[in-house]
N, C-alpha and C. Protein backbone atom coordinates (compact mmCIF):
# COMPACT_ATOMS: atom_id res chain seq x y z
N UNK A 1 1.26 -1.61 0.49
CA UNK A 1 -0.29 0.05 -0.64
C UNK A 1 1.12 1.17 -0.26
N UNK A 2 1.50 1.48 1.38
CA UNK A 2 2.29 2.96 1.44
C UNK A 2 1.83 4.15 1.40
N UNK A 3 2.67 5.40 1.54
CA UNK A 3 2.42 6.03 2.92
C UNK A 3 1.13 6.99 2.56
N UNK A 4 0.33 6.85 3.72
CA UNK A 4 -0.88 7.97 3.92
C UNK A 4 -0.62 9.00 4.57
N UNK A 5 -1.52 9.50 4.87
CA UNK A 5 -1.54 10.92 5.41
C UNK A 5 -1.45 10.11 6.84
N UNK A 6 -2.30 9.09 6.90
CA UNK A 6 -2.19 8.18 8.91
C UNK A 6 -1.11 7.71 8.72
N UNK A 7 -0.21 6.93 8.47
CA UNK A 7 1.06 6.60 8.24
C UNK A 7 2.20 7.69 8.58
N UNK A 8 1.74 9.24 7.91
CA UNK A 8 2.56 10.32 7.59
C UNK A 8 2.87 10.74 9.68
N UNK A 9 1.04 10.78 9.31
CA UNK A 9 0.67 11.35 11.18
C UNK A 9 1.77 10.42 12.32
N UNK A 10 1.76 8.87 11.83
CA UNK A 10 1.24 7.95 12.93
C UNK A 10 3.56 7.82 13.17
N UNK A 11 3.89 7.99 12.01
CA UNK A 11 5.30 7.91 12.19
C UNK A 11 5.88 9.45 13.31
N UNK A 12 5.15 10.45 12.91
CA UNK A 12 5.71 11.82 14.05
C UNK A 12 5.18 11.45 15.71
N UNK A 13 4.52 9.52 15.50
CA UNK A 13 4.10 10.00 16.73
C UNK A 13 5.10 8.63 18.21
N UNK A 14 5.51 8.28 16.45
CA UNK A 14 6.71 7.42 17.56
C UNK A 14 7.33 8.02 18.24
N UNK A 15 7.58 8.52 18.41
CA UNK A 15 8.80 9.84 19.24
C UNK A 15 8.12 8.97 20.76
N UNK A 16 6.77 9.72 20.55
CA UNK A 16 6.60 8.71 22.38
C UNK A 16 6.18 8.21 22.14
N UNK A 17 7.46 7.71 23.87
CA UNK A 17 6.72 5.96 23.46
C UNK A 17 5.93 5.66 23.65
N UNK A 18 4.77 6.42 24.89
CA UNK A 18 3.31 5.33 25.05
C UNK A 18 2.60 5.76 23.63
N UNK A 19 3.29 6.14 22.98
CA UNK A 19 2.34 6.17 21.37
C UNK A 19 2.85 5.08 20.20
N UNK A 20 3.98 4.89 20.73
CA UNK A 20 4.50 3.89 19.58
C UNK A 20 3.96 2.96 19.39
N UNK A 21 3.25 2.07 20.14
CA UNK A 21 2.60 0.78 19.77
C UNK A 21 1.39 1.28 18.89
N UNK A 22 0.99 2.14 18.83
CA UNK A 22 -0.40 2.49 18.16
C UNK A 22 0.06 2.74 16.99
N UNK A 23 1.00 3.70 16.83
CA UNK A 23 1.48 4.36 15.42
C UNK A 23 1.86 2.67 14.93
N UNK A 24 3.22 1.01 15.39
CA UNK A 24 3.15 0.27 15.04
C UNK A 24 2.08 0.55 13.75
N UNK A 25 1.39 0.26 14.48
CA UNK A 25 0.20 -0.95 14.28
C UNK A 25 -0.41 -0.45 12.24
N UNK A 26 -1.17 1.57 12.81
CA UNK A 26 -1.25 2.28 11.38
C UNK A 26 -0.27 1.68 10.52
N UNK A 27 1.42 1.82 10.69
CA UNK A 27 2.77 1.04 10.42
C UNK A 27 2.34 0.25 9.37
N UNK A 28 1.92 -0.39 9.55
CA UNK A 28 2.10 -2.31 9.39
C UNK A 28 0.51 -1.93 8.91
N UNK A 29 -0.34 -1.84 8.83
CA UNK A 29 -1.62 -2.15 7.72
C UNK A 29 -1.75 -1.33 7.03
N UNK A 30 -0.27 0.23 6.87
CA UNK A 30 0.03 0.45 5.45
C UNK A 30 0.83 -0.38 4.47
N UNK A 31 0.74 -1.63 4.93
CA UNK A 31 1.99 -2.07 4.60
C UNK A 31 3.57 -1.62 4.70
N UNK A 32 4.06 -0.82 5.60
CA UNK A 32 5.02 -0.73 5.87
C UNK A 32 5.81 -0.98 6.58
N UNK A 33 6.24 -2.29 6.67
CA UNK A 33 6.87 -3.62 7.31
C UNK A 33 8.46 -3.20 7.44
N UNK A 34 9.39 -2.83 6.06
CA UNK A 34 10.00 -2.25 6.60
C UNK A 34 10.42 -1.28 7.37
N UNK A 35 9.84 -0.24 7.04
CA UNK A 35 9.86 0.65 7.99
C UNK A 35 9.58 0.82 9.99
N UNK A 36 9.06 0.18 10.39
CA UNK A 36 8.83 -0.31 11.17
C UNK A 36 10.33 -1.53 11.77
N UNK A 37 10.75 -2.37 10.82
CA UNK A 37 12.27 -3.05 11.23
C UNK A 37 12.97 -1.84 11.41
N UNK A 38 13.03 -0.40 10.63
CA UNK A 38 14.10 0.45 10.62
C UNK A 38 13.76 0.76 11.70
N UNK A 39 12.78 1.65 12.09
CA UNK A 39 12.13 2.49 13.35
C UNK A 39 12.66 0.92 14.56
N UNK A 40 12.49 0.06 14.91
CA UNK A 40 12.93 -1.13 16.04
C UNK A 40 14.19 -1.09 16.03
N UNK A 41 14.99 -0.84 15.03
CA UNK A 41 16.23 -1.46 15.26
C UNK A 41 17.49 -0.19 15.23
N UNK A 42 16.54 0.92 15.44
CA UNK A 42 17.18 2.29 14.98
C UNK A 42 17.78 2.96 16.67
N UNK A 43 19.14 3.08 16.70
CA UNK A 43 19.65 2.99 17.45
C UNK A 43 19.69 4.45 18.60
N UNK A 44 19.11 5.34 16.97
CA UNK A 44 19.26 6.56 17.39
C UNK A 44 18.25 7.28 16.65
N UNK A 45 17.84 9.17 17.29
CA UNK A 45 16.72 9.58 16.26
C UNK A 45 17.29 9.99 14.63
N UNK A 46 18.32 9.56 14.83
CA UNK A 46 19.25 9.86 12.72
C UNK A 46 18.00 8.73 11.55
N UNK A 47 17.83 7.79 12.05
CA UNK A 47 17.90 6.45 10.97
C UNK A 47 15.62 7.45 10.95
N UNK A 48 15.01 7.45 12.30
CA UNK A 48 13.99 8.61 12.37
C UNK A 48 13.64 9.66 11.39
N UNK A 49 14.67 10.21 11.56
CA UNK A 49 15.05 11.79 11.33
C UNK A 49 14.91 11.24 9.10
N UNK A 50 15.64 10.31 8.62
CA UNK A 50 16.12 9.87 7.83
C UNK A 50 14.64 9.39 7.26
N UNK A 51 13.85 8.83 7.36
CA UNK A 51 12.64 8.15 7.52
C UNK A 51 11.32 9.16 7.15
N UNK A 52 11.60 10.16 8.25
CA UNK A 52 10.62 11.21 7.95
C UNK A 52 10.50 12.09 6.64
N UNK A 53 12.09 12.37 5.60
CA UNK A 53 12.53 12.91 4.63
C UNK A 53 12.25 11.76 4.02
N UNK A 54 12.05 10.63 3.82
CA UNK A 54 11.45 9.93 2.87
C UNK A 54 9.62 9.87 3.07
N UNK A 55 9.64 10.13 3.55
CA UNK A 55 7.95 9.84 3.70
C UNK A 55 7.08 11.18 3.21
N UNK A 56 7.96 12.61 3.62
CA UNK A 56 7.83 13.95 3.28
C UNK A 56 7.88 13.31 1.54
N UNK A 57 8.36 13.33 1.21
CA UNK A 57 9.08 12.62 -0.02
C UNK A 57 7.35 12.63 -1.23
N UNK A 58 6.97 11.40 0.22
CA UNK A 58 6.34 9.90 -0.17
C UNK A 58 4.57 10.77 -0.95
N UNK A 59 4.32 11.45 0.36
CA UNK A 59 3.50 11.73 0.80
C UNK A 59 3.14 13.23 0.46
N UNK A 60 3.53 14.21 -0.22
CA UNK A 60 3.85 15.80 -0.78
C UNK A 60 3.34 15.86 0.16
N UNK A 61 3.55 17.85 -0.71
CA UNK A 61 3.66 18.90 -0.06
C UNK A 61 2.05 19.12 0.63
N UNK A 62 1.03 18.19 0.17
CA UNK A 62 -0.26 19.01 0.23
C UNK A 62 -0.52 18.78 1.60
N UNK A 63 -0.09 16.69 2.06
CA UNK A 63 -0.12 16.00 3.45
C UNK A 63 0.56 16.87 4.02
N UNK A 64 1.54 16.69 3.62
CA UNK A 64 3.00 17.67 4.74
C UNK A 64 2.16 19.57 5.49
N UNK A 65 1.44 19.93 4.27
CA UNK A 65 1.36 21.26 5.20
C UNK A 65 -0.73 20.76 6.10
N UNK A 66 -1.44 20.34 5.30
CA UNK A 66 -1.88 19.86 6.52
C UNK A 66 -1.80 18.97 7.38
N UNK A 67 -1.37 18.44 7.77
CA UNK A 67 -0.44 17.59 9.21
C UNK A 67 -0.02 18.49 10.35
N UNK A 68 0.55 19.65 9.46
CA UNK A 68 1.21 21.05 10.46
C UNK A 68 0.10 21.21 11.30
N UNK A 69 -0.71 21.96 10.49
CA UNK A 69 -1.55 22.67 10.47
C UNK A 69 -2.27 21.75 11.89
N UNK A 70 -3.09 20.55 11.38
CA UNK A 70 -3.77 20.04 12.33
C UNK A 70 -2.54 19.80 13.80
N UNK A 71 -1.46 19.81 13.31
CA UNK A 71 -0.61 19.73 14.71
C UNK A 71 -0.51 21.04 15.77
N UNK A 72 -0.46 21.70 14.85
CA UNK A 72 -0.57 23.30 15.55
C UNK A 72 -1.59 23.74 16.44
N UNK A 73 -2.62 23.00 15.95
CA UNK A 73 -4.60 23.53 16.63
C UNK A 73 -4.55 22.81 17.34
N UNK A 74 -3.60 21.36 17.85
CA UNK A 74 -3.18 20.64 18.65
C UNK A 74 -2.74 21.09 19.79
N UNK A 75 -1.40 21.33 19.05
CA UNK A 75 -1.06 22.19 20.54
C UNK A 75 -1.32 23.08 20.93
N UNK A 76 -2.27 24.53 19.97
CA UNK A 76 -2.77 26.28 20.34
C UNK A 76 -3.82 25.61 21.79
N UNK A 77 -4.50 24.02 20.98
CA UNK A 77 -5.38 23.99 22.17
C UNK A 77 -4.98 23.30 23.67
N UNK A 78 -4.17 22.74 23.46
CA UNK A 78 -3.09 21.72 24.80
C UNK A 78 -2.11 23.04 25.93
N UNK A 79 -2.06 24.13 24.40
CA UNK A 79 -1.36 25.67 25.33
C UNK A 79 -2.41 26.19 26.33
N UNK A 80 -3.74 26.72 25.57
CA UNK A 80 -4.89 27.38 25.79
C UNK A 80 -5.35 26.21 27.78
N UNK A 81 -5.39 24.86 27.38
CA UNK A 81 -5.74 24.42 28.37
C UNK A 81 -4.78 24.59 29.71
N UNK A 82 -3.72 24.30 29.30
CA UNK A 82 -2.77 24.01 30.38
C UNK A 82 -2.75 25.63 30.66
N UNK A 83 -3.06 27.26 30.34
CA UNK A 83 -3.18 27.56 30.69
C UNK A 83 -4.88 28.38 31.14
N UNK A 84 -5.81 27.97 30.64
CA UNK A 84 -6.72 27.60 31.50
C UNK A 84 -6.54 27.59 32.86
N UNK A 85 -5.83 25.67 33.23
CA UNK A 85 -5.75 25.65 34.24
C UNK A 85 -4.67 25.76 35.13
N UNK A 86 -3.68 26.81 34.42
CA UNK A 86 -2.49 27.73 35.64
C UNK A 86 -3.33 28.56 36.45
N UNK A 87 -4.38 29.29 35.32
CA UNK A 87 -4.98 30.63 35.98
C UNK A 87 -6.73 30.03 37.15
N UNK A 88 -6.94 28.87 36.82
CA UNK A 88 -7.70 28.98 37.22
C UNK A 88 -6.72 28.56 39.14
N UNK A 89 -5.23 28.53 39.40
CA UNK A 89 -4.82 28.00 40.91
C UNK A 89 -4.76 28.42 41.26
N UNK A 90 -5.50 28.43 42.33
CA UNK A 90 -5.13 28.88 43.81
C UNK A 90 -3.61 29.04 44.93
N UNK A 91 -3.18 30.08 45.73
CA UNK A 91 -2.25 29.61 46.34
C UNK A 91 -2.35 31.03 47.31
N UNK A 92 -1.88 29.79 48.56
CA UNK A 92 -1.35 31.63 49.76
C UNK A 92 -0.72 32.20 48.76
N UNK A 93 0.57 32.49 48.18
CA UNK A 93 1.08 33.71 47.63
C UNK A 93 -0.18 34.51 46.38
N UNK A 94 -1.00 33.73 46.17
CA UNK A 94 -1.14 34.34 45.03
C UNK A 94 -2.69 34.92 45.08
N UNK A 95 -3.03 34.65 46.54
CA UNK A 95 -4.25 35.75 47.44
C UNK A 95 -3.67 36.58 48.16
N UNK A 96 -2.38 36.27 48.33
CA UNK A 96 -1.70 37.43 49.33
C UNK A 96 -1.36 38.62 48.82
N UNK A 97 -0.90 37.86 47.03
CA UNK A 97 -0.61 39.52 46.47
C UNK A 97 -2.35 39.53 45.60
N UNK A 98 -3.34 39.42 45.68
CA UNK A 98 -4.25 40.00 45.31
C UNK A 98 -5.17 40.97 46.81
N UNK A 99 -5.25 40.51 47.42
CA UNK A 99 -5.96 41.51 48.78
C UNK A 99 -4.43 42.45 48.94
N UNK A 100 -2.90 42.24 48.57
CA UNK A 100 -2.44 43.55 48.50
C UNK A 100 -2.75 44.90 47.37
N UNK A 101 -3.04 44.20 46.33
CA UNK A 101 -3.31 44.62 45.03
C UNK A 101 -5.15 45.02 44.87
N UNK A 102 -5.55 44.33 46.37
CA UNK A 102 -6.89 45.05 46.11
C UNK A 102 -7.15 46.34 47.34
N UNK A 103 -6.35 46.52 48.50
CA UNK A 103 -5.56 47.54 49.29
C UNK A 103 -5.32 48.59 48.43
N UNK A 104 -5.17 48.57 46.65
CA UNK A 104 -3.90 49.61 46.11
C UNK A 104 -5.22 50.10 45.61
N UNK A 105 -6.38 49.67 45.53
CA UNK A 105 -7.41 50.56 44.55
C UNK A 105 -7.65 48.70 43.90
N UNK A 106 -6.38 47.70 43.75
CA UNK A 106 -7.67 47.30 42.66
C UNK A 106 -6.46 46.21 41.82
N UNK A 107 -6.48 44.99 40.68
CA UNK A 107 -5.61 45.55 39.47
C UNK A 107 -4.49 46.02 39.26
N UNK A 108 -2.99 46.29 39.24
CA UNK A 108 -2.21 47.60 38.99
C UNK A 108 -2.86 47.68 37.48
N UNK A 109 -3.02 48.69 37.16
CA UNK A 109 -2.66 49.41 35.66
C UNK A 109 -4.79 49.41 35.53
N UNK A 110 -5.06 49.16 36.48
CA UNK A 110 -7.10 49.46 36.99
C UNK A 110 -7.10 50.53 37.23
N UNK A 111 -8.32 50.97 36.32
CA UNK A 111 -8.62 52.16 36.87
C UNK A 111 -9.87 52.35 37.32
N UNK A 112 -10.16 53.55 38.35
CA UNK A 112 -11.74 53.45 38.37
C UNK A 112 -12.53 54.66 38.59
N UNK A 113 -13.58 54.80 38.23
CA UNK A 113 -14.45 56.18 36.95
C UNK A 113 -15.40 56.26 38.45
N UNK A 114 -15.30 57.67 38.80
CA UNK A 114 -16.65 58.05 39.71
C UNK A 114 -16.82 59.54 38.58
N UNK A 115 -18.60 58.54 39.43
CA UNK A 115 -19.72 59.60 38.57
C UNK A 115 -19.70 60.68 39.62
N UNK A 116 -20.26 62.19 39.47
CA UNK A 116 -20.24 62.79 40.27
C UNK A 116 -22.37 62.75 40.17
């Protein structure tokens, strides 16, 4: 069968030990047994890097571009989730800083409007 978008994406999952088995299954399903053998025998990331170049050449620029956009979208979602989680964090230091800012009239840079 050969390289598909799915096997191309799976190749990039190979470097995550927790995703290797799923990636291997996809690569084997696409008939890329030789690629799996090379990845499993690789002593370092150099072989993986060579295979990524072969995959790029095989799938073409459109698949590479779509995969990059999807990866960027996933990264943005993860960063957003981490930011949301961090913003919800409660700590004694954060609480004390909020109290001090409150004594000074609120958050730095904020202003109040007085109506007569």
